[in-house]
Full PDB file with SEQRES, HELIX, SHEET, SSBOND, CRYST1, ORIGX, SCALE, CONECT and MASTER records, all heavy atoms in Angstrom:
SEQRES   1 A   34  LYS MET LEU ARG LYS ASP SER PHE ARG SER HIS LYS ALA          
SEQRES   2 A   34  ASN ASP SER GLY MET HIS VAL HIS VAL SER ARG ASN SER          
SEQRES   3 A   34  ILE LYS PRO THR THR LEU TYR LYS                              
HELIX    1 AA1 MET A    2  LYS A    5  1                                   4    
HELIX    2 AA2 ARG A   24  SER A   26  5                                   3    
HELIX    3 AA3 PRO A   29  TYR A   33  1                                   5    
CRYST1    1.000    1.000    1.000  90.00  90.00  90.00 P 1           1          
ORIGX1      1.000000  0.000000  0.000000        0.00000                         
ORIGX2      0.000000  1.000000  0.000000        0.00000                         
ORIGX3      0.000000  0.000000  1.000000        0.00000                         
SCALE1      1.000000  0.000000  0.000000        0.00000                         
SCALE2      0.000000  1.000000  0.000000        0.00000                         
SCALE3      0.000000  0.000000  1.000000        0.00000                         
ATOM      1  N   LYS A   1       0.839  -1.202   0.000  1.00  0.00           N  
ATOM      2  CA  LYS A   1       0.000   0.000   0.000  1.00  0.00           C  
ATOM      3  C   LYS A   1       0.874   1.251   0.000  1.00  0.00           C  
ATOM      4  O   LYS A   1       0.634   2.194  -0.761  1.00  0.00           O  
ATOM      5  CB  LYS A   1      -0.925  -0.020   1.219  1.00  0.00           C  
ATOM      6  CG  LYS A   1      -1.883   1.134   1.274  1.00  0.00           C  
ATOM      7  CD  LYS A   1      -2.805   1.006   2.476  1.00  0.00           C  
ATOM      8  CE  LYS A   1      -3.768   2.180   2.533  1.00  0.00           C  
ATOM      9  NZ  LYS A   1      -4.667   2.079   3.695  1.00  0.00           N  
ATOM     10  N   MET A   2       1.906   1.274   0.849  1.00  0.00           N  
ATOM     11  CA  MET A   2       2.801   2.418   0.923  1.00  0.00           C  
ATOM     12  C   MET A   2       3.553   2.623  -0.395  1.00  0.00           C  
ATOM     13  O   MET A   2       3.677   3.735  -0.892  1.00  0.00           O  
ATOM     14  CB  MET A   2       3.798   2.223   2.064  1.00  0.00           C  
ATOM     15  CG  MET A   2       4.768   3.385   2.230  1.00  0.00           C  
ATOM     16  SD  MET A   2       6.288   2.913   3.073  1.00  0.00           S  
ATOM     17  CE  MET A   2       7.086   1.895   1.858  1.00  0.00           C  
ATOM     18  N   LEU A   3       4.048   1.539  -0.969  1.00  0.00           N  
ATOM     19  CA  LEU A   3       4.788   1.656  -2.223  1.00  0.00           C  
ATOM     20  C   LEU A   3       3.907   2.160  -3.362  1.00  0.00           C  
ATOM     21  O   LEU A   3       4.330   3.004  -4.155  1.00  0.00           O  
ATOM     22  CB  LEU A   3       5.415   0.301  -2.591  1.00  0.00           C  
ATOM     23  CG  LEU A   3       6.555  -0.157  -1.685  1.00  0.00           C  
ATOM     24  CD1 LEU A   3       6.932  -1.601  -1.987  1.00  0.00           C  
ATOM     25  CD2 LEU A   3       7.767   0.753  -1.832  1.00  0.00           C  
ATOM     26  N   ARG A   4       2.678   1.651  -3.447  1.00  0.00           N  
ATOM     27  CA  ARG A   4       1.761   2.142  -4.491  1.00  0.00           C  
ATOM     28  C   ARG A   4       1.444   3.614  -4.281  1.00  0.00           C  
ATOM     29  O   ARG A   4       1.393   4.390  -5.239  1.00  0.00           O  
ATOM     30  CB  ARG A   4       0.481   1.306  -4.507  1.00  0.00           C  
ATOM     31  CG  ARG A   4       0.660  -0.078  -5.105  1.00  0.00           C  
ATOM     32  CD  ARG A   4      -0.669  -0.774  -5.377  1.00  0.00           C  
ATOM     33  NE  ARG A   4      -1.533  -0.811  -4.224  1.00  0.00           N  
ATOM     34  CZ  ARG A   4      -1.601  -1.824  -3.353  1.00  0.00           C  
ATOM     35  NH1 ARG A   4      -0.820  -2.883  -3.514  1.00  0.00           N  
ATOM     36  NH2 ARG A   4      -2.427  -1.774  -2.333  1.00  0.00           N  
ATOM     37  N   LYS A   5       1.245   4.003  -3.018  1.00  0.00           N  
ATOM     38  CA  LYS A   5       0.944   5.405  -2.696  1.00  0.00           C  
ATOM     39  C   LYS A   5       2.099   6.311  -3.123  1.00  0.00           C  
ATOM     40  O   LYS A   5       1.884   7.440  -3.571  1.00  0.00           O  
ATOM     41  CB  LYS A   5       0.694   5.543  -1.196  1.00  0.00           C  
ATOM     42  CG  LYS A   5       0.328   6.936  -0.760  1.00  0.00           C  
ATOM     43  CD  LYS A   5       0.092   6.996   0.733  1.00  0.00           C  
ATOM     44  CE  LYS A   5      -0.144   8.437   1.151  1.00  0.00           C  
ATOM     45  NZ  LYS A   5      -0.111   8.576   2.604  1.00  0.00           N  
ATOM     46  N   ASP A   6       3.326   5.832  -2.990  1.00  0.00           N  
ATOM     47  CA  ASP A   6       4.502   6.609  -3.367  1.00  0.00           C  
ATOM     48  C   ASP A   6       4.889   6.423  -4.835  1.00  0.00           C  
ATOM     49  O   ASP A   6       6.018   6.704  -5.229  1.00  0.00           O  
ATOM     50  CB  ASP A   6       5.682   6.246  -2.460  1.00  0.00           C  
ATOM     51  CG  ASP A   6       5.512   6.764  -1.043  1.00  0.00           C  
ATOM     52  OD1 ASP A   6       4.693   7.690  -0.834  1.00  0.00           O  
ATOM     53  OD2 ASP A   6       6.187   6.240  -0.141  1.00  0.00           O  
ATOM     54  N   SER A   7       3.962   5.893  -5.639  1.00  0.00           N  
ATOM     55  CA  SER A   7       4.106   5.762  -7.094  1.00  0.00           C  
ATOM     56  C   SER A   7       5.176   4.764  -7.534  1.00  0.00           C  
ATOM     57  O   SER A   7       5.733   4.873  -8.627  1.00  0.00           O  
ATOM     58  CB  SER A   7       4.385   7.127  -7.734  1.00  0.00           C  
ATOM     59  OG  SER A   7       3.342   8.023  -7.448  1.00  0.00           O  
ATOM     60  N   PHE A   8       5.473   3.783  -6.688  1.00  0.00           N  
ATOM     61  CA  PHE A   8       6.359   2.706  -7.120  1.00  0.00           C  
ATOM     62  C   PHE A   8       5.588   1.789  -8.064  1.00  0.00           C  
ATOM     63  O   PHE A   8       4.373   1.661  -7.969  1.00  0.00           O  
ATOM     64  CB  PHE A   8       6.865   1.901  -5.918  1.00  0.00           C  
ATOM     65  CG  PHE A   8       8.016   2.547  -5.214  1.00  0.00           C  
ATOM     66  CD1 PHE A   8       7.820   3.606  -4.348  1.00  0.00           C  
ATOM     67  CD2 PHE A   8       9.317   2.096  -5.435  1.00  0.00           C  
ATOM     68  CE1 PHE A   8       8.882   4.204  -3.698  1.00  0.00           C  
ATOM     69  CE2 PHE A   8      10.382   2.683  -4.788  1.00  0.00           C  
ATOM     70  CZ  PHE A   8      10.169   3.742  -3.916  1.00  0.00           C  
ATOM     71  N   ARG A   9       6.326   1.175  -8.980  1.00  0.00           N  
ATOM     72  CA  ARG A   9       5.739   0.213  -9.896  1.00  0.00           C  
ATOM     73  C   ARG A   9       6.504  -1.083  -9.775  1.00  0.00           C  
ATOM     74  O   ARG A   9       7.675  -1.090  -9.432  1.00  0.00           O  
ATOM     75  CB  ARG A   9       5.840   0.701 -11.339  1.00  0.00           C  
ATOM     76  CG  ARG A   9       5.069   1.965 -11.623  1.00  0.00           C  
ATOM     77  CD  ARG A   9       5.307   2.433 -13.028  1.00  0.00           C  
ATOM     78  NE  ARG A   9       6.736   2.667 -13.229  1.00  0.00           N  
ATOM     79  CZ  ARG A   9       7.366   2.562 -14.389  1.00  0.00           C  
ATOM     80  NH1 ARG A   9       6.712   2.233 -15.470  1.00  0.00           N  
ATOM     81  NH2 ARG A   9       8.646   2.784 -14.493  1.00  0.00           N  
ATOM     82  N   SER A  10       5.860  -2.150 -10.091  1.00  0.00           N  
ATOM     83  CA  SER A  10       6.565  -3.425 -10.118  1.00  0.00           C  
ATOM     84  C   SER A  10       6.071  -4.260 -11.291  1.00  0.00           C  
ATOM     85  O   SER A  10       6.832  -4.605 -12.175  1.00  0.00           O  
ATOM     86  CB  SER A  10       6.381  -4.173  -8.797  1.00  0.00           C  
ATOM     87  OG  SER A  10       7.172  -5.320  -8.771  1.00  0.00           O  
ATOM     88  N   HIS A  11       4.776  -4.544 -11.322  1.00  0.00           N  
ATOM     89  CA  HIS A  11       4.217  -5.378 -12.384  1.00  0.00           C  
ATOM     90  C   HIS A  11       4.479  -4.768 -13.758  1.00  0.00           C  
ATOM     91  O   HIS A  11       4.776  -5.477 -14.714  1.00  0.00           O  
ATOM     92  CB  HIS A  11       2.715  -5.559 -12.148  1.00  0.00           C  
ATOM     93  CG  HIS A  11       2.061  -6.496 -13.108  1.00  0.00           C  
ATOM     94  ND1 HIS A  11       2.194  -7.867 -13.007  1.00  0.00           N  
ATOM     95  CD2 HIS A  11       1.291  -6.263 -14.202  1.00  0.00           C  
ATOM     96  CE1 HIS A  11       1.514  -8.439 -13.982  1.00  0.00           C  
ATOM     97  NE2 HIS A  11       0.962  -7.497 -14.723  1.00  0.00           N  
ATOM     98  N   LYS A  12       4.384  -3.453 -13.858  1.00  0.00           N  
ATOM     99  CA  LYS A  12       4.532  -2.787 -15.153  1.00  0.00           C  
ATOM    100  C   LYS A  12       5.952  -2.314 -15.415  1.00  0.00           C  
ATOM    101  O   LYS A  12       6.227  -1.713 -16.438  1.00  0.00           O  
ATOM    102  CB  LYS A  12       3.558  -1.612 -15.249  1.00  0.00           C  
ATOM    103  CG  LYS A  12       2.117  -2.060 -15.291  1.00  0.00           C  
ATOM    104  CD  LYS A  12       1.171  -0.904 -15.450  1.00  0.00           C  
ATOM    105  CE  LYS A  12      -0.260  -1.411 -15.505  1.00  0.00           C  
ATOM    106  NZ  LYS A  12      -1.229  -0.333 -15.624  1.00  0.00           N  
ATOM    107  N   ALA A  13       6.852  -2.567 -14.494  1.00  0.00           N  
ATOM    108  CA  ALA A  13       8.246  -2.181 -14.696  1.00  0.00           C  
ATOM    109  C   ALA A  13       8.957  -3.263 -15.515  1.00  0.00           C  
ATOM    110  O   ALA A  13       8.741  -4.450 -15.314  1.00  0.00           O  
ATOM    111  CB  ALA A  13       8.936  -2.009 -13.348  1.00  0.00           C  
ATOM    112  N   ASN A  14       9.786  -2.852 -16.442  1.00  0.00           N  
ATOM    113  CA  ASN A  14      10.466  -3.799 -17.323  1.00  0.00           C  
ATOM    114  C   ASN A  14      11.550  -4.613 -16.616  1.00  0.00           C  
ATOM    115  O   ASN A  14      11.907  -5.697 -17.047  1.00  0.00           O  
ATOM    116  CB  ASN A  14      11.093  -3.064 -18.517  1.00  0.00           C  
ATOM    117  CG  ASN A  14      10.030  -2.503 -19.441  1.00  0.00           C  
ATOM    118  OD1 ASN A  14       8.975  -3.093 -19.596  1.00  0.00           O  
ATOM    119  ND2 ASN A  14      10.318  -1.356 -20.037  1.00  0.00           N  
ATOM    120  N   ASP A  15      12.093  -4.055 -15.549  1.00  0.00           N  
ATOM    121  CA  ASP A  15      13.239  -4.688 -14.896  1.00  0.00           C  
ATOM    122  C   ASP A  15      12.891  -5.273 -13.529  1.00  0.00           C  
ATOM    123  O   ASP A  15      13.731  -5.387 -12.665  1.00  0.00           O  
ATOM    124  CB  ASP A  15      14.378  -3.670 -14.742  1.00  0.00           C  
ATOM    125  CG  ASP A  15      13.948  -2.440 -13.957  1.00  0.00           C  
ATOM    126  OD1 ASP A  15      12.778  -2.371 -13.537  1.00  0.00           O  
ATOM    127  OD2 ASP A  15      14.787  -1.550 -13.755  1.00  0.00           O  
ATOM    128  N   SER A  16      11.639  -5.651 -13.351  1.00  0.00           N  
ATOM    129  CA  SER A  16      11.184  -6.056 -12.033  1.00  0.00           C  
ATOM    130  C   SER A  16      10.825  -7.531 -11.973  1.00  0.00           C  
ATOM    131  O   SER A  16      10.262  -8.084 -12.909  1.00  0.00           O  
ATOM    132  CB  SER A  16       9.954  -5.211 -11.666  1.00  0.00           C  
ATOM    133  OG  SER A  16       9.448  -5.594 -10.424  1.00  0.00           O  
ATOM    134  N   GLY A  17      11.151  -8.137 -10.851  1.00  0.00           N  
ATOM    135  CA  GLY A  17      10.789  -9.523 -10.634  1.00  0.00           C  
ATOM    136  C   GLY A  17      10.653  -9.791  -9.147  1.00  0.00           C  
ATOM    137  O   GLY A  17      11.145  -9.032  -8.324  1.00  0.00           O  
ATOM    138  N   MET A  18       9.977 -10.876  -8.821  1.00  0.00           N  
ATOM    139  CA  MET A  18       9.868 -11.304  -7.432  1.00  0.00           C  
ATOM    140  C   MET A  18      10.643 -12.605  -7.309  1.00  0.00           C  
ATOM    141  O   MET A  18      10.384 -13.560  -8.031  1.00  0.00           O  
ATOM    142  CB  MET A  18       8.409 -11.528  -7.042  1.00  0.00           C  
ATOM    143  CG  MET A  18       8.253 -12.030  -5.626  1.00  0.00           C  
ATOM    144  SD  MET A  18       6.518 -12.267  -5.198  1.00  0.00           S  
ATOM    145  CE  MET A  18       6.706 -13.332  -3.769  1.00  0.00           C  
ATOM    146  N   HIS A  19      11.594 -12.621  -6.398  1.00  0.00           N  
ATOM    147  CA  HIS A  19      12.426 -13.797  -6.185  1.00  0.00           C  
ATOM    148  C   HIS A  19      12.170 -14.325  -4.781  1.00  0.00           C  
ATOM    149  O   HIS A  19      12.133 -13.564  -3.826  1.00  0.00           O  
ATOM    150  CB  HIS A  19      13.901 -13.456  -6.343  1.00  0.00           C  
ATOM    151  CG  HIS A  19      14.227 -12.812  -7.651  1.00  0.00           C  
ATOM    152  ND1 HIS A  19      15.422 -12.180  -7.888  1.00  0.00           N  
ATOM    153  CD2 HIS A  19      13.519 -12.699  -8.802  1.00  0.00           C  
ATOM    154  CE1 HIS A  19      15.438 -11.713  -9.117  1.00  0.00           C  
ATOM    155  NE2 HIS A  19      14.281 -12.009  -9.695  1.00  0.00           N  
ATOM    156  N   VAL A  20      12.018 -15.635  -4.675  1.00  0.00           N  
ATOM    157  CA  VAL A  20      11.766 -16.277  -3.386  1.00  0.00           C  
ATOM    158  C   VAL A  20      12.923 -17.226  -3.098  1.00  0.00           C  
ATOM    159  O   VAL A  20      13.176 -18.144  -3.875  1.00  0.00           O  
ATOM    160  CB  VAL A  20      10.430 -17.050  -3.397  1.00  0.00           C  
ATOM    161  CG1 VAL A  20      10.191 -17.731  -2.056  1.00  0.00           C  
ATOM    162  CG2 VAL A  20       9.261 -16.128  -3.754  1.00  0.00           C  
ATOM    163  N   HIS A  21      13.596 -16.974  -1.986  1.00  0.00           N  
ATOM    164  CA  HIS A  21      14.695 -17.849  -1.559  1.00  0.00           C  
ATOM    165  C   HIS A  21      14.179 -18.834  -0.520  1.00  0.00           C  
ATOM    166  O   HIS A  21      13.444 -18.458   0.382  1.00  0.00           O  
ATOM    167  CB  HIS A  21      15.824 -17.023  -0.934  1.00  0.00           C  
ATOM    168  CG  HIS A  21      16.631 -16.267  -1.926  1.00  0.00           C  
ATOM    169  ND1 HIS A  21      17.869 -16.694  -2.366  1.00  0.00           N  
ATOM    170  CD2 HIS A  21      16.386 -15.115  -2.595  1.00  0.00           C  
ATOM    171  CE1 HIS A  21      18.351 -15.828  -3.237  1.00  0.00           C  
ATOM    172  NE2 HIS A  21      17.475 -14.861  -3.396  1.00  0.00           N  
ATOM    173  N   VAL A  22      14.590 -20.085  -0.665  1.00  0.00           N  
ATOM    174  CA  VAL A  22      14.240 -21.134   0.289  1.00  0.00           C  
ATOM    175  C   VAL A  22      15.550 -21.751   0.774  1.00  0.00           C  
ATOM    176  O   VAL A  22      16.445 -22.031  -0.033  1.00  0.00           O  
ATOM    177  CB  VAL A  22      13.350 -22.212  -0.367  1.00  0.00           C  
ATOM    178  CG1 VAL A  22      13.008 -23.309   0.636  1.00  0.00           C  
ATOM    179  CG2 VAL A  22      12.075 -21.589  -0.932  1.00  0.00           C  
ATOM    180  N   SER A  23      15.653 -21.982   2.068  1.00  0.00           N  
ATOM    181  CA  SER A  23      16.858 -22.556   2.639  1.00  0.00           C  
ATOM    182  C   SER A  23      17.177 -23.909   1.994  1.00  0.00           C  
ATOM    183  O   SER A  23      16.308 -24.772   1.881  1.00  0.00           O  
ATOM    184  CB  SER A  23      16.682 -22.740   4.147  1.00  0.00           C  
ATOM    185  OG  SER A  23      17.751 -23.491   4.673  1.00  0.00           O  
ATOM    186  N   ARG A  24      18.407 -24.076   1.564  1.00  0.00           N  
ATOM    187  CA  ARG A  24      18.838 -25.358   0.998  1.00  0.00           C  
ATOM    188  C   ARG A  24      18.660 -26.490   2.002  1.00  0.00           C  
ATOM    189  O   ARG A  24      18.336 -27.610   1.625  1.00  0.00           O  
ATOM    190  CB  ARG A  24      20.316 -25.309   0.601  1.00  0.00           C  
ATOM    191  CG  ARG A  24      20.571 -24.780  -0.766  1.00  0.00           C  
ATOM    192  CD  ARG A  24      22.045 -24.926  -1.111  1.00  0.00           C  
ATOM    193  NE  ARG A  24      22.307 -24.275  -2.378  1.00  0.00           N  
ATOM    194  CZ  ARG A  24      22.278 -24.896  -3.549  1.00  0.00           C  
ATOM    195  NH1 ARG A  24      21.997 -26.165  -3.613  1.00  0.00           N  
ATOM    196  NH2 ARG A  24      22.524 -24.233  -4.659  1.00  0.00           N  
ATOM    197  N   ASN A  25      18.885 -26.182   3.272  1.00  0.00           N  
ATOM    198  CA  ASN A  25      18.786 -27.214   4.304  1.00  0.00           C  
ATOM    199  C   ASN A  25      17.381 -27.773   4.447  1.00  0.00           C  
ATOM    200  O   ASN A  25      17.204 -28.850   5.006  1.00  0.00           O  
ATOM    201  CB  ASN A  25      19.247 -26.671   5.655  1.00  0.00           C  
ATOM    202  CG  ASN A  25      20.732 -26.385   5.678  1.00  0.00           C  
ATOM    203  OD1 ASN A  25      21.492 -26.947   4.894  1.00  0.00           O  
ATOM    204  ND2 ASN A  25      21.155 -25.497   6.551  1.00  0.00           N  
ATOM    205  N   SER A  26      16.389 -27.047   3.969  1.00  0.00           N  
ATOM    206  CA  SER A  26      14.998 -27.500   4.108  1.00  0.00           C  
ATOM    207  C   SER A  26      14.522 -28.332   2.923  1.00  0.00           C  
ATOM    208  O   SER A  26      13.408 -28.843   2.933  1.00  0.00           O  
ATOM    209  CB  SER A  26      14.073 -26.291   4.287  1.00  0.00           C  
ATOM    210  OG  SER A  26      13.987 -25.546   3.077  1.00  0.00           O  
ATOM    211  N   ILE A  27      15.359 -28.456   1.899  1.00  0.00           N  
ATOM    212  CA  ILE A  27      14.959 -29.156   0.674  1.00  0.00           C  
ATOM    213  C   ILE A  27      15.818 -30.401   0.479  1.00  0.00           C  
ATOM    214  O   ILE A  27      17.039 -30.302   0.354  1.00  0.00           O  
ATOM    215  CB  ILE A  27      15.085 -28.244  -0.566  1.00  0.00           C  
ATOM    216  CG1 ILE A  27      14.293 -26.956  -0.379  1.00  0.00           C  
ATOM    217  CG2 ILE A  27      14.631 -28.973  -1.816  1.00  0.00           C  
ATOM    218  CD1 ILE A  27      14.505 -25.940  -1.486  1.00  0.00           C  
ATOM    219  N   LYS A  28      15.171 -31.544   0.435  1.00  0.00           N  
ATOM    220  CA  LYS A  28      15.901 -32.788   0.163  1.00  0.00           C  
ATOM    221  C   LYS A  28      16.372 -32.787  -1.296  1.00  0.00           C  
ATOM    222  O   LYS A  28      15.670 -32.268  -2.173  1.00  0.00           O  
ATOM    223  CB  LYS A  28      15.000 -34.000   0.409  1.00  0.00           C  
ATOM    224  CG  LYS A  28      14.551 -34.165   1.847  1.00  0.00           C  
ATOM    225  CD  LYS A  28      13.692 -35.394   2.033  1.00  0.00           C  
ATOM    226  CE  LYS A  28      12.320 -35.114   1.480  1.00  0.00           C  
ATOM    227  NZ  LYS A  28      11.306 -36.100   1.819  1.00  0.00           N  
ATOM    228  N   PRO A  29      17.537 -33.365  -1.573  1.00  0.00           N  
ATOM    229  CA  PRO A  29      18.010 -33.423  -2.957  1.00  0.00           C  
ATOM    230  C   PRO A  29      17.004 -34.073  -3.910  1.00  0.00           C  
ATOM    231  O   PRO A  29      16.853 -33.632  -5.045  1.00  0.00           O  
ATOM    232  CB  PRO A  29      19.299 -34.246  -2.862  1.00  0.00           C  
ATOM    233  CG  PRO A  29      19.780 -34.015  -1.476  1.00  0.00           C  
ATOM    234  CD  PRO A  29      18.529 -33.888  -0.633  1.00  0.00           C  
ATOM    235  N   THR A  30      16.290 -35.101  -3.462  1.00  0.00           N  
ATOM    236  CA  THR A  30      15.306 -35.740  -4.341  1.00  0.00           C  
ATOM    237  C   THR A  30      14.136 -34.803  -4.628  1.00  0.00           C  
ATOM    238  O   THR A  30      13.590 -34.806  -5.730  1.00  0.00           O  
ATOM    239  CB  THR A  30      14.775 -37.052  -3.729  1.00  0.00           C  
ATOM    240  OG1 THR A  30      14.306 -36.796  -2.400  1.00  0.00           O  
ATOM    241  CG2 THR A  30      15.850 -38.120  -3.707  1.00  0.00           C  
ATOM    242  N   THR A  31      13.759 -33.986  -3.643  1.00  0.00           N  
ATOM    243  CA  THR A  31      12.685 -33.009  -3.862  1.00  0.00           C  
ATOM    244  C   THR A  31      13.129 -31.973  -4.881  1.00  0.00           C  
ATOM    245  O   THR A  31      12.397 -31.641  -5.818  1.00  0.00           O  
ATOM    246  CB  THR A  31      12.289 -32.330  -2.539  1.00  0.00           C  
ATOM    247  OG1 THR A  31      11.766 -33.319  -1.656  1.00  0.00           O  
ATOM    248  CG2 THR A  31      11.256 -31.237  -2.755  1.00  0.00           C  
ATOM    249  N   LEU A  32      14.340 -31.466  -4.717  1.00  0.00           N  
ATOM    250  CA  LEU A  32      14.868 -30.487  -5.665  1.00  0.00           C  
ATOM    251  C   LEU A  32      14.943 -31.090  -7.064  1.00  0.00           C  
ATOM    252  O   LEU A  32      14.578 -30.435  -8.046  1.00  0.00           O  
ATOM    253  CB  LEU A  32      16.248 -30.000  -5.212  1.00  0.00           C  
ATOM    254  CG  LEU A  32      16.919 -28.970  -6.123  1.00  0.00           C  
ATOM    255  CD1 LEU A  32      16.040 -27.732  -6.323  1.00  0.00           C  
ATOM    256  CD2 LEU A  32      18.278 -28.579  -5.555  1.00  0.00           C  
ATOM    257  N   TYR A  33      15.382 -32.309  -7.162  1.00  0.00           N  
ATOM    258  CA  TYR A  33      15.447 -33.012  -8.451  1.00  0.00           C  
ATOM    259  C   TYR A  33      14.081 -32.973  -9.133  1.00  0.00           C  
ATOM    260  O   TYR A  33      13.954 -32.656 -10.317  1.00  0.00           O  
ATOM    261  CB  TYR A  33      15.901 -34.448  -8.208  1.00  0.00           C  
ATOM    262  CG  TYR A  33      15.906 -35.348  -9.425  1.00  0.00           C  
ATOM    263  CD1 TYR A  33      17.074 -35.577 -10.131  1.00  0.00           C  
ATOM    264  CD2 TYR A  33      14.748 -35.982  -9.863  1.00  0.00           C  
ATOM    265  CE1 TYR A  33      17.090 -36.416 -11.238  1.00  0.00           C  
ATOM    266  CE2 TYR A  33      14.755 -36.808 -10.968  1.00  0.00           C  
ATOM    267  CZ  TYR A  33      15.920 -37.022 -11.647  1.00  0.00           C  
ATOM    268  OH  TYR A  33      15.929 -37.837 -12.747  1.00  0.00           O  
ATOM    269  N   LYS A  34      13.027 -33.304  -8.394  1.00  0.00           N  
ATOM    270  CA  LYS A  34      11.675 -33.352  -8.959  1.00  0.00           C  
ATOM    271  C   LYS A  34      11.203 -31.964  -9.378  1.00  0.00           C  
ATOM    272  O   LYS A  34      10.582 -31.798 -10.437  1.00  0.00           O  
ATOM    273  CB  LYS A  34      10.709 -33.970  -7.952  1.00  0.00           C  
ATOM    274  CG  LYS A  34      11.006 -35.421  -7.640  1.00  0.00           C  
ATOM    275  CD  LYS A  34      10.199 -35.886  -6.443  1.00  0.00           C  
ATOM    276  CE  LYS A  34      10.755 -37.151  -5.846  1.00  0.00           C  
ATOM    277  NZ  LYS A  34      10.044 -37.534  -4.610  1.00  0.00           N  
TER     278      LYS A  34                                                      
MASTER        0    0    0    3    0    0    0    6  277    1    0    3          
END                                                                             
């Protein structure tokens, strides 16, 4: 809400993305493989 109010863009920005990091320790190698 604050970012939109301050005229930030994300969806319509050409250089924007959402990245989600997950701890390697929480993912079994077989799960990652799949």
